[in-house]
C-alpha atoms as a PDB file:
ATOM      1  CA  MET A   1      -0.062  -0.082  -0.046  1.00  0.00           C
ATOM      2  CA  GLY A   2       3.000   2.215   0.220  1.00  0.00           C
ATOM      3  CA  LEU A   3       2.873   2.850   3.967  1.00  0.00           C
ATOM      4  CA  GLU A   4       5.725   0.526   5.040  1.00  0.00           C
ATOM      5  CA  GLY A   5       7.422   1.951   8.040  1.00  0.00           C
ATOM      6  CA  ARG A   6       4.892   4.706   8.410  1.00  0.00           C
ATOM      7  CA  LEU A   7       2.631   2.804  10.953  1.00  0.00           C
ATOM      8  CA  HIS A   8       3.371   1.923  14.497  1.00  0.00           C
ATOM      9  CA  LEU A   9       1.477   0.378  17.323  1.00  0.00           C
ATOM     10  CA  ASP A  10       2.840   0.237  20.846  1.00  0.00           C
ATOM     11  CA  TRP A  11       1.132  -0.413  24.153  1.00  0.00           C
ATOM     12  CA  ILE A  12       1.974   2.066  26.755  1.00  0.00           C
ATOM     13  CA  SER A  13       0.393   2.476  30.210  1.00  0.00           C
ATOM     14  CA  SER A  14      -0.695   5.904  31.514  1.00  0.00           C
ATOM     15  CA  ALA A  15       1.959   5.345  33.994  1.00  0.00           C
ATOM     16  CA  GLU A  16       4.761   5.132  31.353  1.00  0.00           C
ATOM     17  CA  ALA A  17       5.153   8.800  30.567  1.00  0.00           C
ATOM     18  CA  GLN A  18       8.843   8.408  29.691  1.00  0.00           C
ATOM     19  CA  LYS A  19       8.172   5.433  27.436  1.00  0.00           C
ATOM     20  CA  PHE A  20       5.481   7.557  25.631  1.00  0.00           C
ATOM     21  CA  VAL A  21       7.870  10.424  25.097  1.00  0.00           C
ATOM     22  CA  GLN A  22      10.546   8.032  23.840  1.00  0.00           C
ATOM     23  CA  VAL A  23       8.137   5.994  21.378  1.00  0.00           C
ATOM     24  CA  VAL A  24       6.763   9.232  19.933  1.00  0.00           C
ATOM     25  CA  THR A  25      10.147  10.914  19.485  1.00  0.00           C
ATOM     26  CA  ASN A  26      11.724   7.777  17.805  1.00  0.00           C
ATOM     27  CA  PHE A  27       8.625   7.443  15.517  1.00  0.00           C
ATOM     28  CA  THR A  28       8.562  11.173  14.698  1.00  0.00           C
ATOM     29  CA  GLU A  29      12.382  11.100  13.762  1.00  0.00           C
ATOM     30  CA  LYS A  30      11.815   7.941  11.600  1.00  0.00           C
ATOM     31  CA  ILE A  31       8.720   9.477   9.776  1.00  0.00           C
ATOM     32  CA  LYS A  32      10.905  12.608   9.110  1.00  0.00           C
ATOM     33  CA  SER A  33      13.756  10.510   7.712  1.00  0.00           C
ATOM     34  CA  LEU A  34      11.381   8.766   5.369  1.00  0.00           C
ATOM     35  CA  GLY A  35      10.401  12.121   3.754  1.00  0.00           C
ATOM     36  CA  PRO A  36       7.027  12.788   2.131  1.00  0.00           C
ATOM     37  CA  SER A  37       4.497  10.048   2.074  1.00  0.00           C
ATOM     38  CA  PRO A  38       4.380   8.320  -1.382  1.00  0.00           C
ATOM     39  CA  LEU A  39       0.755   8.531  -1.346  1.00  0.00           C
ATOM     40  CA  SER A  40       0.420  12.299  -1.137  1.00  0.00           C
ATOM     41  CA  GLY A  41      -2.372  13.332  -3.277  1.00  0.00           C
ATOM     42  CA  GLN A  42      -3.065   9.698  -4.513  1.00  0.00           C
ATOM     43  CA  LEU A  43      -4.942   8.025  -1.734  1.00  0.00           C
ATOM     44  CA  ASN A  44      -8.097   6.227  -3.006  1.00  0.00           C
ATOM     45  CA  LEU A  45     -10.028   5.133  -0.199  1.00  0.00           C
ATOM     46  CA  ALA A  46     -11.874   2.550  -2.192  1.00  0.00           C
ATOM     47  CA  VAL A  47      -8.627   0.857  -3.167  1.00  0.00           C
ATOM     48  CA  VAL A  48      -7.451   0.909   0.397  1.00  0.00           C
ATOM     49  CA  GLU A  49     -10.666  -0.723   1.630  1.00  0.00           C
ATOM     50  CA  LYS A  50     -10.437  -3.558  -0.967  1.00  0.00           C
ATOM     51  CA  GLU A  51      -6.851  -4.146   0.082  1.00  0.00           C
ATOM     52  CA  CYS A  52      -7.752  -4.314   3.710  1.00  0.00           C
ATOM     53  CA  GLN A  53     -10.693  -6.627   2.991  1.00  0.00           C
ATOM     54  CA  ALA A  54      -8.379  -8.918   0.978  1.00  0.00           C
ATOM     55  CA  SER A  55      -5.774  -9.018   3.719  1.00  0.00           C
ATOM     56  CA  VAL A  56      -8.455  -9.845   6.279  1.00  0.00           C
ATOM     57  CA  GLN A  57      -9.664 -12.635   4.099  1.00  0.00           C
ATOM     58  CA  ALA A  58      -6.179 -14.027   3.581  1.00  0.00           C
ATOM     59  CA  GLU A  59      -5.556 -14.080   7.298  1.00  0.00           C
ATOM     60  CA  ARG A  60      -8.891 -16.011   7.712  1.00  0.00           C
ATOM     61  CA  VAL A  61      -7.715 -18.642   5.140  1.00  0.00           C
ATOM     62  CA  GLU A  62      -4.343 -18.996   6.890  1.00  0.00           C
ATOM     63  CA  GLU A  63      -6.138 -19.512  10.256  1.00  0.00           C
ATOM     64  CA  ALA A  64      -8.441 -22.214   8.878  1.00  0.00           C
END
């Protein structure tokens, strides 16, 4: 889809303020180093939806 490296998920407790700062700082630096999004002005939500649905279907097949 062109967003490789531009998405991040991390579980952080509300008691982990320092971890939150570090995760956000590191991710911000990474995004800045990647430069402009390759999807700038090209994002077609219908295509994204179809790709997401296909990915979910593929995962369901693998689980079966």
